């Protein structure tokens, strides 16, 4: 019998077609791994707001892993790079502070074509990969920590 696991997805509403596809691929893969998994999704306006919501979800507790999903497309200024760096550092710090795996799939891409490949495609879909990593991390930490 599969162990019941709970996962949270925190997703940006910005670039809805792309991020929506990431969310759907993530959910589909989690359900394919085990129909007993419980998945709760929280939406935030943009990528910059993801770490705060992830922090709140982590503080609430009760999740085996949190999956952060978003898309940042590089523009003409350094704004995208600054946001991506801040999100990366913040998500890692949240994971370390709370001891809950935070799966970082807030994609930083050069153009929409790269985003489409990673969000809409089947071959290298980052939502699918995020789901797999979340399950693996929940299993590894469950082994390290022992029975609940």
C-alpha atoms as a PDB file:
ATOM      1  CA  UNK A   1       0.000   0.000   0.000  1.00  0.00           C
ATOM      2  CA  UNK A   2       1.362   3.429  -0.966  1.00  0.00           C
ATOM      3  CA  UNK A   3       2.137   5.818   1.821  1.00  0.00           C
ATOM      4  CA  UNK A   4      -0.119   8.848   1.950  1.00  0.00           C
ATOM      5  CA  UNK A   5       1.891  11.946   1.167  1.00  0.00           C
ATOM      6  CA  UNK A   6       0.846  15.580   1.027  1.00  0.00           C
ATOM      7  CA  UNK A   7       2.281  18.123  -1.369  1.00  0.00           C
ATOM      8  CA  UNK A   8       1.743  21.846  -1.792  1.00  0.00           C
ATOM      9  CA  UNK A   9       2.180  23.676  -5.056  1.00  0.00           C
ATOM     10  CA  UNK A  10       2.796  27.425  -4.959  1.00  0.00           C
ATOM     11  CA  UNK A  11       2.405  28.820  -8.475  1.00  0.00           C
ATOM     12  CA  UNK A  12       2.657  32.217 -10.065  1.00  0.00           C
ATOM     13  CA  UNK A  13      -0.348  33.553 -11.965  1.00  0.00           C
ATOM     14  CA  UNK A  14       1.995  35.465 -14.290  1.00  0.00           C
ATOM     15  CA  UNK A  15       2.387  33.746 -17.700  1.00  0.00           C
ATOM     16  CA  UNK A  16      -0.784  31.710 -17.051  1.00  0.00           C
ATOM     17  CA  UNK A  17      -0.518  29.432 -20.095  1.00  0.00           C
ATOM     18  CA  UNK A  18       3.028  28.403 -19.215  1.00  0.00           C
ATOM     19  CA  UNK A  19       2.686  28.135 -15.444  1.00  0.00           C
ATOM     20  CA  UNK A  20      -0.743  26.524 -15.745  1.00  0.00           C
ATOM     21  CA  UNK A  21       0.836  23.781 -17.863  1.00  0.00           C
ATOM     22  CA  UNK A  22       3.566  23.295 -15.239  1.00  0.00           C
ATOM     23  CA  UNK A  23       0.910  22.940 -12.537  1.00  0.00           C
ATOM     24  CA  UNK A  24      -1.071  20.427 -14.605  1.00  0.00           C
ATOM     25  CA  UNK A  25       2.000  18.338 -15.432  1.00  0.00           C
ATOM     26  CA  UNK A  26       3.027  18.365 -11.766  1.00  0.00           C
ATOM     27  CA  UNK A  27      -0.400  17.257 -10.559  1.00  0.00           C
ATOM     28  CA  UNK A  28      -0.714  14.624 -13.270  1.00  0.00           C
ATOM     29  CA  UNK A  29       2.661  13.112 -12.411  1.00  0.00           C
ATOM     30  CA  UNK A  30       1.970  13.091  -8.666  1.00  0.00           C
ATOM     31  CA  UNK A  31      -1.332  11.294  -9.268  1.00  0.00           C
ATOM     32  CA  UNK A  32       0.375   8.851 -11.659  1.00  0.00           C
ATOM     33  CA  UNK A  33       2.919   7.987  -8.967  1.00  0.00           C
ATOM     34  CA  UNK A  34       0.190   7.461  -6.367  1.00  0.00           C
ATOM     35  CA  UNK A  35      -3.515   8.201  -6.397  1.00  0.00           C
ATOM     36  CA  UNK A  36      -3.330   8.509  -2.604  1.00  0.00           C
ATOM     37  CA  UNK A  37      -1.217  11.682  -2.747  1.00  0.00           C
ATOM     38  CA  UNK A  38      -2.977  14.843  -1.589  1.00  0.00           C
ATOM     39  CA  UNK A  39      -2.084  17.991  -3.540  1.00  0.00           C
ATOM     40  CA  UNK A  40      -3.042  21.526  -2.529  1.00  0.00           C
ATOM     41  CA  UNK A  41      -2.373  24.450  -4.866  1.00  0.00           C
ATOM     42  CA  UNK A  42      -1.880  28.086  -3.905  1.00  0.00           C
ATOM     43  CA  UNK A  43      -1.618  30.849  -6.505  1.00  0.00           C
ATOM     44  CA  UNK A  44       0.262  34.118  -6.110  1.00  0.00           C
ATOM     45  CA  UNK A  45       0.378  37.101  -8.489  1.00  0.00           C
ATOM     46  CA  UNK A  46       3.966  36.717  -9.703  1.00  0.00           C
ATOM     47  CA  UNK A  47       7.250  34.907  -9.217  1.00  0.00           C
ATOM     48  CA  UNK A  48       8.534  37.406  -6.654  1.00  0.00           C
ATOM     49  CA  UNK A  49       5.644  36.548  -4.318  1.00  0.00           C
ATOM     50  CA  UNK A  50       6.355  32.800  -4.378  1.00  0.00           C
ATOM     51  CA  UNK A  51       8.889  32.684  -1.485  1.00  0.00           C
ATOM     52  CA  UNK A  52       6.556  34.415   0.978  1.00  0.00           C
ATOM     53  CA  UNK A  53       3.718  32.023   0.184  1.00  0.00           C
ATOM     54  CA  UNK A  54       6.102  29.033   0.370  1.00  0.00           C
ATOM     55  CA  UNK A  55       7.283  30.279   3.767  1.00  0.00           C
ATOM     56  CA  UNK A  56       3.693  30.501   5.029  1.00  0.00           C
ATOM     57  CA  UNK A  57       2.845  27.035   3.693  1.00  0.00           C
ATOM     58  CA  UNK A  58       5.961  25.623   5.342  1.00  0.00           C
ATOM     59  CA  UNK A  59       5.136  27.333   8.650  1.00  0.00           C
ATOM     60  CA  UNK A  60       1.636  25.858   8.526  1.00  0.00           C
ATOM     61  CA  UNK A  61       3.193  22.409   8.266  1.00  0.00           C
ATOM     62  CA  UNK A  62       1.640  19.143   7.259  1.00  0.00           C
ATOM     63  CA  UNK A  63       3.298  18.888   3.843  1.00  0.00           C
ATOM     64  CA  UNK A  64       5.938  16.384   2.774  1.00  0.00           C
ATOM     65  CA  UNK A  65       7.249  18.807   0.146  1.00  0.00           C
ATOM     66  CA  UNK A  66       6.420  22.157  -1.419  1.00  0.00           C
ATOM     67  CA  UNK A  67       6.767  22.723  -5.157  1.00  0.00           C
ATOM     68  CA  UNK A  68       7.376  26.285  -6.373  1.00  0.00           C
ATOM     69  CA  UNK A  69       6.353  26.899 -10.002  1.00  0.00           C
ATOM     70  CA  UNK A  70       6.776  30.011 -12.109  1.00  0.00           C
ATOM     71  CA  UNK A  71       8.346  31.436 -15.246  1.00  0.00           C
ATOM     72  CA  UNK A  72      10.692  34.404 -15.517  1.00  0.00           C
ATOM     73  CA  UNK A  73      11.539  35.455 -19.075  1.00  0.00           C
ATOM     74  CA  UNK A  74      14.688  37.525 -19.475  1.00  0.00           C
ATOM     75  CA  UNK A  75      14.081  41.039 -20.693  1.00  0.00           C
ATOM     76  CA  UNK A  76      16.275  43.978 -21.648  1.00  0.00           C
ATOM     77  CA  UNK A  77      17.165  44.858 -18.047  1.00  0.00           C
ATOM     78  CA  UNK A  78      18.671  42.950 -15.122  1.00  0.00           C
ATOM     79  CA  UNK A  79      15.274  42.797 -13.371  1.00  0.00           C
ATOM     80  CA  UNK A  80      14.626  39.137 -14.267  1.00  0.00           C
ATOM     81  CA  UNK A  81      18.075  38.087 -13.087  1.00  0.00           C
ATOM     82  CA  UNK A  82      17.639  39.880  -9.766  1.00  0.00           C
ATOM     83  CA  UNK A  83      14.251  38.262  -9.177  1.00  0.00           C
ATOM     84  CA  UNK A  84      15.557  34.798 -10.118  1.00  0.00           C
ATOM     85  CA  UNK A  85      18.551  35.097  -7.779  1.00  0.00           C
ATOM     86  CA  UNK A  86      16.402  36.344  -4.914  1.00  0.00           C
ATOM     87  CA  UNK A  87      13.852  33.564  -5.365  1.00  0.00           C
ATOM     88  CA  UNK A  88      16.545  30.891  -5.515  1.00  0.00           C
ATOM     89  CA  UNK A  89      18.244  32.060  -2.329  1.00  0.00           C
ATOM     90  CA  UNK A  90      14.926  32.526  -0.532  1.00  0.00           C
ATOM     91  CA  UNK A  91      13.547  29.088  -1.420  1.00  0.00           C
ATOM     92  CA  UNK A  92      16.769  27.374  -0.349  1.00  0.00           C
ATOM     93  CA  UNK A  93      16.747  29.243   2.963  1.00  0.00           C
ATOM     94  CA  UNK A  94      13.109  28.304   3.603  1.00  0.00           C
ATOM     95  CA  UNK A  95      13.900  24.631   2.984  1.00  0.00           C
ATOM     96  CA  UNK A  96      16.892  24.713   5.305  1.00  0.00           C
ATOM     97  CA  UNK A  97      15.073  26.625   8.047  1.00  0.00           C
ATOM     98  CA  UNK A  98      11.914  24.515   8.004  1.00  0.00           C
ATOM     99  CA  UNK A  99      13.470  21.162   7.015  1.00  0.00           C
ATOM    100  CA  UNK A 100      10.717  20.745   4.402  1.00  0.00           C
ATOM    101  CA  UNK A 101      11.848  20.080   0.833  1.00  0.00           C
ATOM    102  CA  UNK A 102      11.154  23.029  -1.434  1.00  0.00           C
ATOM    103  CA  UNK A 103      11.349  22.042  -5.072  1.00  0.00           C
ATOM    104  CA  UNK A 104      12.459  25.036  -7.103  1.00  0.00           C
ATOM    105  CA  UNK A 105      10.948  25.102 -10.576  1.00  0.00           C
ATOM    106  CA  UNK A 106      10.630  28.841 -10.974  1.00  0.00           C
ATOM    107  CA  UNK A 107      12.167  28.790 -14.416  1.00  0.00           C
ATOM    108  CA  UNK A 108      14.458  31.562 -15.573  1.00  0.00           C
ATOM    109  CA  UNK A 109      14.620  31.417 -19.355  1.00  0.00           C
ATOM    110  CA  UNK A 110      16.015  33.562 -22.143  1.00  0.00           C
ATOM    111  CA  UNK A 111      12.888  33.575 -24.290  1.00  0.00           C
ATOM    112  CA  UNK A 112       9.363  32.262 -24.695  1.00  0.00           C
ATOM    113  CA  UNK A 113      10.531  29.367 -26.884  1.00  0.00           C
ATOM    114  CA  UNK A 114      12.639  27.997 -24.021  1.00  0.00           C
ATOM    115  CA  UNK A 115       9.702  28.440 -21.664  1.00  0.00           C
ATOM    116  CA  UNK A 116       7.351  26.599 -24.013  1.00  0.00           C
ATOM    117  CA  UNK A 117       9.760  23.645 -24.299  1.00  0.00           C
ATOM    118  CA  UNK A 118      10.026  23.321 -20.524  1.00  0.00           C
ATOM    119  CA  UNK A 119       6.393  24.028 -19.640  1.00  0.00           C
ATOM    120  CA  UNK A 120       4.282  22.724 -22.511  1.00  0.00           C
ATOM    121  CA  UNK A 121       6.468  19.960 -23.885  1.00  0.00           C
ATOM    122  CA  UNK A 122       6.473  16.356 -22.784  1.00  0.00           C
ATOM    123  CA  UNK A 123      10.149  15.576 -23.311  1.00  0.00           C
ATOM    124  CA  UNK A 124      11.719  17.932 -20.741  1.00  0.00           C
ATOM    125  CA  UNK A 125       8.715  19.127 -18.799  1.00  0.00           C
ATOM    126  CA  UNK A 126       9.826  20.748 -15.559  1.00  0.00           C
ATOM    127  CA  UNK A 127       6.462  20.161 -13.867  1.00  0.00           C
ATOM    128  CA  UNK A 128       6.837  16.420 -14.330  1.00  0.00           C
ATOM    129  CA  UNK A 129      10.406  16.588 -13.054  1.00  0.00           C
ATOM    130  CA  UNK A 130       9.342  18.680 -10.048  1.00  0.00           C
ATOM    131  CA  UNK A 131       6.772  16.067  -9.039  1.00  0.00           C
ATOM    132  CA  UNK A 132       9.344  13.281  -9.232  1.00  0.00           C
ATOM    133  CA  UNK A 133      11.887  15.215  -7.198  1.00  0.00           C
ATOM    134  CA  UNK A 134       9.274  16.081  -4.554  1.00  0.00           C
ATOM    135  CA  UNK A 135       8.373  12.411  -4.124  1.00  0.00           C
ATOM    136  CA  UNK A 136      12.017  11.357  -3.995  1.00  0.00           C
ATOM    137  CA  UNK A 137      12.861  13.984  -1.384  1.00  0.00           C
ATOM    138  CA  UNK A 138       9.851  13.004   0.740  1.00  0.00           C
ATOM    139  CA  UNK A 139      11.000   9.381   0.577  1.00  0.00           C
ATOM    140  CA  UNK A 140      14.640  10.151   1.383  1.00  0.00           C
ATOM    141  CA  UNK A 141      13.779  12.399   4.321  1.00  0.00           C
ATOM    142  CA  UNK A 142      11.203   9.852   5.517  1.00  0.00           C
ATOM    143  CA  UNK A 143      13.937   7.217   5.571  1.00  0.00           C
ATOM    144  CA  UNK A 144      16.395   9.509   7.359  1.00  0.00           C
ATOM    145  CA  UNK A 145      13.808  10.613   9.945  1.00  0.00           C
ATOM    146  CA  UNK A 146      12.257   7.196  10.487  1.00  0.00           C
ATOM    147  CA  UNK A 147       8.600   6.307  11.036  1.00  0.00           C
ATOM    148  CA  UNK A 148       6.146   9.116  11.708  1.00  0.00           C
END
